[in-house]
Amino acid sequence: MTTPLALPERLTDGVLVLDGHTPADAEAHWAGEDDEMLRRFESSANLTLEHTRSVMLRWQEARANGGPNFPYALRVDGVLAGGCE
């Protein structure tokens, strides 16, 4: 059995902050969804806000369990500005 990878909870350079998404981020993430994002993730339709919330919960679980993906929320002045895996 392998040990889950322990991720840093928070990374920062003093300006940008990378940390975990929360369900409270769902509305801002959903509002920022555009055609470019849909193409990037090969999505045929916009997600609903409820689906976006469920994705955030899956991301939290993945971080807590050490994978398989490691999403980070990007924040500037405490405001969600993007994300990365």
Protein backbone atom coordinates (compact mmCIF):
# COMPACT_ATOMS: atom_id res chain seq x y z
CA MET A 1 0.00 0.00 0.00
CA THR A 2 1.34 3.42 -0.89
CA THR A 3 1.28 6.42 1.38
CA PRO A 4 -0.81 9.34 0.05
CA LEU A 5 1.23 12.30 -1.14
CA ALA A 6 1.04 15.13 1.40
CA LEU A 7 0.51 18.41 -0.40
CA PRO A 8 1.36 21.82 0.97
CA GLU A 9 -1.91 23.39 2.12
CA ARG A 10 -0.83 26.82 0.92
CA LEU A 11 1.89 28.18 -1.35
CA THR A 12 2.61 31.88 -1.81
CA ASP A 13 5.18 34.28 -3.17
CA GLY A 14 3.72 37.12 -1.10
CA VAL A 15 1.42 38.26 -3.92
CA LEU A 16 -0.27 35.15 -5.31
CA VAL A 17 -1.62 32.37 -3.13
CA LEU A 18 -2.23 28.77 -4.17
CA ASP A 19 -4.48 26.80 -1.84
CA GLY A 20 -7.37 24.36 -2.00
CA HIS A 21 -10.73 25.17 -3.55
CA THR A 22 -13.77 25.26 -1.29
CA PRO A 23 -17.47 25.01 -2.15
CA ALA A 24 -17.62 28.76 -1.48
CA ASP A 25 -15.43 29.22 -4.60
CA ALA A 26 -17.98 27.52 -6.84
CA GLU A 27 -19.95 30.62 -7.79
CA ALA A 28 -16.87 32.62 -8.84
CA HIS A 29 -15.47 29.64 -10.74
CA TRP A 30 -18.81 29.04 -12.47
CA ALA A 31 -19.17 32.74 -13.35
CA GLY A 32 -15.72 32.66 -14.97
CA GLU A 33 -16.57 29.74 -17.24
CA ASP A 34 -16.26 30.78 -20.88
CA ASP A 35 -15.94 29.23 -24.34
CA GLU A 36 -12.16 28.88 -23.97
CA MET A 37 -12.58 26.89 -20.75
CA LEU A 38 -15.23 24.68 -22.35
CA ARG A 39 -12.87 23.89 -25.25
CA ARG A 40 -9.96 23.22 -22.91
CA PHE A 41 -11.93 20.60 -20.99
CA GLU A 42 -13.74 19.30 -24.11
CA SER A 43 -17.11 20.10 -22.60
CA SER A 44 -20.17 20.21 -24.81
CA ALA A 45 -22.17 22.49 -22.49
CA ASN A 46 -21.80 24.88 -19.60
CA LEU A 47 -21.87 23.30 -16.16
CA THR A 48 -24.56 24.14 -13.65
CA LEU A 49 -23.64 25.86 -10.41
CA GLU A 50 -24.59 22.69 -8.51
CA HIS A 51 -22.28 20.58 -10.69
CA THR A 52 -19.48 23.07 -10.13
CA ARG A 53 -19.99 22.74 -6.36
CA SER A 54 -19.79 18.94 -6.62
CA VAL A 55 -16.54 19.27 -8.59
CA MET A 56 -15.11 21.46 -5.80
CA LEU A 57 -16.01 18.76 -3.26
CA ARG A 58 -14.27 16.09 -5.39
CA TRP A 59 -11.19 18.31 -5.59
CA GLN A 60 -11.19 18.69 -1.80
CA GLU A 61 -11.41 14.91 -1.41
CA ALA A 62 -8.58 14.36 -3.90
CA ARG A 63 -6.33 16.78 -2.00
CA ALA A 64 -7.19 15.16 1.34
CA ASN A 65 -6.52 11.66 -0.01
CA GLY A 66 -3.27 12.43 -1.83
CA GLY A 67 -4.48 12.31 -5.39
CA PRO A 68 -4.87 11.33 -8.12
CA ASN A 69 -5.05 15.00 -9.15
CA PHE A 70 -3.87 17.99 -7.15
CA PRO A 71 -5.94 21.09 -7.89
CA TYR A 72 -4.98 24.45 -6.44
CA ALA A 73 -7.05 27.63 -6.37
CA LEU A 74 -5.15 30.78 -7.38
CA ARG A 75 -6.00 33.80 -5.25
CA VAL A 76 -5.02 37.44 -5.43
CA ASP A 77 -5.89 39.54 -2.37
CA GLY A 78 -8.01 36.62 -1.14
CA VAL A 79 -10.16 36.57 -4.29
CA LEU A 80 -10.33 33.52 -6.56
CA ALA A 81 -8.54 34.42 -9.80
CA GLY A 82 -8.01 30.99 -11.36
CA GLY A 83 -6.64 27.57 -10.66
CA CYS A 84 -4.27 24.85 -11.74
CA GLU A 85 -3.65 21.12 -11.35
